[in-house]
Structure formats: C-alpha cells, structure tokens
Amino acid sequence: MNFNAASMLIGRLGTTEILLIVLVVVLLFGPKLLPKLGQTLGDSIRGFKDGLGGDEKKEDNDGKTEA
C-alpha cells in the first residue's frame, strides 16, 4: 500500500466509521484501561519526538539545559 492509497483510505472515514472504531476500542480495552492507554501512547509519542531530536540540548530534571 503506497502513500496515496493510505491517504485515500483515511480520507474516506466518516463520522459513522469513526464512532464505530471508538466503540470497538472502548469495548476491547474498557473504560478503566483507556486513560492508561492514552498516557502510554502520549509517552511513546513524546519519546519518539525526543529521539528524533538527537544531539540537541537536553534538559535535566531541574529544568536546566546542558549542551
């Protein structure tokens, strides 16, 4: 599947399809696990973005930057 085919597939998702996907996710994971799942996803995305930065400035836990 190339990029055009994937974007066409995503472009065809309507309100009904999105609601159906959300319903399936809630049924699979349950309302208690969804906040943890969202936090894990956010941490993963944040880690990925930090990894893309490479050798840029890193922050200590104190908020100070080091080269």
N, C-alpha and C. Protein backbone atom coordinates (compact mmCIF):
# COMPACT_ATOMS: atom_id res chain seq x y z
N MET A 1 0.85 -1.17 0.00
CA MET A 1 0.00 0.00 0.00
C MET A 1 0.90 1.23 0.00
N ASN A 2 0.78 2.05 -0.99
CA ASN A 2 1.58 3.26 -1.05
C ASN A 2 0.89 4.40 -0.31
N PHE A 3 1.55 5.54 -0.28
CA PHE A 3 1.04 6.68 0.49
C PHE A 3 -0.31 7.16 -0.05
N ASN A 4 -0.47 7.20 -1.35
CA ASN A 4 -1.74 7.67 -1.92
C ASN A 4 -2.90 6.76 -1.54
N ALA A 5 -2.68 5.47 -1.57
CA ALA A 5 -3.75 4.54 -1.21
C ALA A 5 -4.12 4.68 0.26
N ALA A 6 -3.12 4.86 1.12
CA ALA A 6 -3.38 5.01 2.55
C ALA A 6 -4.13 6.31 2.82
N SER A 7 -3.74 7.40 2.16
CA SER A 7 -4.42 8.67 2.40
C SER A 7 -5.85 8.64 1.86
N MET A 8 -6.07 7.91 0.77
CA MET A 8 -7.43 7.79 0.24
C MET A 8 -8.31 7.01 1.21
N LEU A 9 -7.74 5.97 1.83
CA LEU A 9 -8.49 5.17 2.79
C LEU A 9 -8.86 6.02 4.01
N ILE A 10 -7.91 6.76 4.52
CA ILE A 10 -8.17 7.61 5.69
C ILE A 10 -9.14 8.72 5.32
N GLY A 11 -9.05 9.24 4.13
CA GLY A 11 -9.93 10.31 3.69
C GLY A 11 -11.37 9.88 3.58
N ARG A 12 -11.61 8.61 3.45
CA ARG A 12 -12.98 8.11 3.30
C ARG A 12 -13.67 7.83 4.64
N LEU A 13 -12.96 7.97 5.76
CA LEU A 13 -13.57 7.73 7.06
C LEU A 13 -14.54 8.85 7.39
N GLY A 14 -15.78 8.48 7.64
CA GLY A 14 -16.79 9.46 8.02
C GLY A 14 -17.08 9.39 9.51
N THR A 15 -18.07 10.13 9.93
CA THR A 15 -18.44 10.18 11.34
C THR A 15 -18.88 8.81 11.86
N THR A 16 -19.65 8.10 11.08
CA THR A 16 -20.14 6.79 11.49
C THR A 16 -18.99 5.82 11.69
N GLU A 17 -18.05 5.82 10.78
CA GLU A 17 -16.92 4.90 10.89
C GLU A 17 -16.05 5.22 12.10
N ILE A 18 -15.82 6.51 12.35
CA ILE A 18 -15.01 6.91 13.50
C ILE A 18 -15.70 6.53 14.80
N LEU A 19 -17.00 6.75 14.89
CA LEU A 19 -17.73 6.34 16.09
C LEU A 19 -17.69 4.84 16.29
N LEU A 20 -17.77 4.08 15.21
CA LEU A 20 -17.68 2.62 15.31
C LEU A 20 -16.31 2.19 15.80
N ILE A 21 -15.25 2.82 15.32
CA ILE A 21 -13.90 2.49 15.77
C ILE A 21 -13.75 2.81 17.26
N VAL A 22 -14.25 3.97 17.69
CA VAL A 22 -14.17 4.35 19.11
C VAL A 22 -14.94 3.35 19.96
N LEU A 23 -16.12 2.93 19.52
CA LEU A 23 -16.91 1.96 20.25
C LEU A 23 -16.17 0.63 20.40
N VAL A 24 -15.54 0.17 19.34
CA VAL A 24 -14.79 -1.09 19.38
C VAL A 24 -13.61 -0.97 20.35
N VAL A 25 -12.91 0.17 20.33
CA VAL A 25 -11.78 0.37 21.24
C VAL A 25 -12.24 0.36 22.68
N VAL A 26 -13.36 1.02 22.97
CA VAL A 26 -13.90 1.04 24.34
C VAL A 26 -14.31 -0.36 24.77
N LEU A 27 -14.92 -1.11 23.88
CA LEU A 27 -15.33 -2.47 24.22
C LEU A 27 -14.13 -3.39 24.43
N LEU A 28 -13.07 -3.21 23.65
CA LEU A 28 -11.89 -4.06 23.78
C LEU A 28 -11.09 -3.75 25.04
N PHE A 29 -10.86 -2.47 25.32
CA PHE A 29 -9.98 -2.10 26.42
C PHE A 29 -10.72 -1.74 27.70
N GLY A 30 -11.96 -1.35 27.61
CA GLY A 30 -12.73 -0.99 28.80
C GLY A 30 -12.43 0.43 29.25
N PRO A 31 -13.38 1.04 29.93
CA PRO A 31 -13.20 2.44 30.34
C PRO A 31 -12.12 2.63 31.40
N LYS A 32 -11.79 1.60 32.17
CA LYS A 32 -10.76 1.73 33.20
C LYS A 32 -9.36 1.75 32.60
N LEU A 33 -9.16 1.06 31.50
CA LEU A 33 -7.83 0.95 30.91
C LEU A 33 -7.53 2.06 29.91
N LEU A 34 -8.56 2.74 29.41
CA LEU A 34 -8.35 3.77 28.39
C LEU A 34 -7.46 4.94 28.84
N PRO A 35 -7.59 5.47 30.07
CA PRO A 35 -6.67 6.55 30.47
C PRO A 35 -5.21 6.09 30.49
N LYS A 36 -4.96 4.87 30.96
CA LYS A 36 -3.60 4.35 30.98
C LYS A 36 -3.09 4.16 29.55
N LEU A 37 -3.94 3.71 28.68
CA LEU A 37 -3.58 3.52 27.28
C LEU A 37 -3.24 4.85 26.63
N GLY A 38 -4.03 5.88 26.90
CA GLY A 38 -3.76 7.21 26.37
C GLY A 38 -2.46 7.79 26.90
N GLN A 39 -2.19 7.58 28.20
CA GLN A 39 -0.95 8.07 28.78
C GLN A 39 0.25 7.36 28.18
N THR A 40 0.14 6.07 27.99
CA THR A 40 1.23 5.30 27.38
C THR A 40 1.47 5.76 25.94
N LEU A 41 0.41 6.00 25.21
CA LEU A 41 0.55 6.48 23.83
C LEU A 41 1.21 7.85 23.81
N GLY A 42 0.80 8.75 24.70
CA GLY A 42 1.41 10.07 24.78
C GLY A 42 2.89 10.01 25.13
N ASP A 43 3.24 9.14 26.10
CA ASP A 43 4.64 8.97 26.47
C ASP A 43 5.46 8.42 25.31
N SER A 44 4.87 7.51 24.56
CA SER A 44 5.56 6.93 23.41
C SER A 44 5.82 7.98 22.34
N ILE A 45 4.82 8.79 22.05
CA ILE A 45 4.98 9.85 21.04
C ILE A 45 6.02 10.86 21.51
N ARG A 46 5.97 11.23 22.79
CA ARG A 46 6.94 12.18 23.34
C ARG A 46 8.36 11.61 23.24
N GLY A 47 8.52 10.34 23.57
CA GLY A 47 9.83 9.70 23.47
C GLY A 47 10.32 9.64 22.04
N PHE A 48 9.41 9.38 21.11
CA PHE A 48 9.78 9.34 19.70
C PHE A 48 10.25 10.71 19.22
N LYS A 49 9.53 11.76 19.62
CA LYS A 49 9.92 13.11 19.22
C LYS A 49 11.27 13.48 19.85
N ASP A 50 11.48 13.09 21.11
CA ASP A 50 12.77 13.35 21.75
C ASP A 50 13.89 12.60 21.04
N GLY A 51 13.61 11.40 20.60
CA GLY A 51 14.60 10.60 19.88
C GLY A 51 14.94 11.20 18.53
N LEU A 52 13.99 11.85 17.89
CA LEU A 52 14.27 12.49 16.61
C LEU A 52 15.18 13.70 16.78
N GLY A 53 15.13 14.32 17.97
CA GLY A 53 15.95 15.49 18.23
C GLY A 53 17.43 15.17 18.21
N GLY A 54 17.80 13.96 18.59
CA GLY A 54 19.20 13.54 18.55
C GLY A 54 20.09 14.27 19.52
N ASP A 55 21.04 15.05 18.99
CA ASP A 55 22.06 15.70 19.80
C ASP A 55 21.69 17.10 20.24
N GLU A 56 20.43 17.46 20.15
CA GLU A 56 20.03 18.78 20.60
C GLU A 56 20.16 18.88 22.11
N LYS A 57 19.93 20.07 22.63
CA LYS A 57 20.07 20.30 24.07
C LYS A 57 19.12 19.40 24.85
N LYS A 58 19.65 18.85 25.95
CA LYS A 58 18.84 18.01 26.82
C LYS A 58 18.58 18.76 28.11
N GLU A 59 17.42 18.53 28.70
CA GLU A 59 17.07 19.18 29.95
C GLU A 59 17.27 18.22 31.11
N ASP A 60 17.80 18.73 32.21
CA ASP A 60 17.90 17.95 33.44
C ASP A 60 16.55 17.94 34.12
N ASN A 61 16.45 17.20 35.19
CA ASN A 61 15.21 17.17 35.96
C ASN A 61 14.95 18.53 36.62
N ASP A 62 16.01 19.34 36.83
CA ASP A 62 15.87 20.65 37.45
C ASP A 62 15.38 21.69 36.46
N GLY A 63 15.31 21.36 35.19
CA GLY A 63 14.88 22.30 34.18
C GLY A 63 16.03 23.05 33.54
N LYS A 64 17.26 22.78 34.00
CA LYS A 64 18.43 23.43 33.43
C LYS A 64 18.82 22.73 32.14
N THR A 65 19.29 23.49 31.19
CA THR A 65 19.69 22.89 29.91
C THR A 65 21.19 22.69 29.89
N GLU A 66 21.61 21.64 29.24
CA GLU A 66 23.03 21.37 29.09
C GLU A 66 23.30 21.11 27.61
N ALA A 67 24.48 21.43 27.18
CA ALA A 67 24.83 21.27 25.76
C ALA A 67 25.21 19.85 25.43
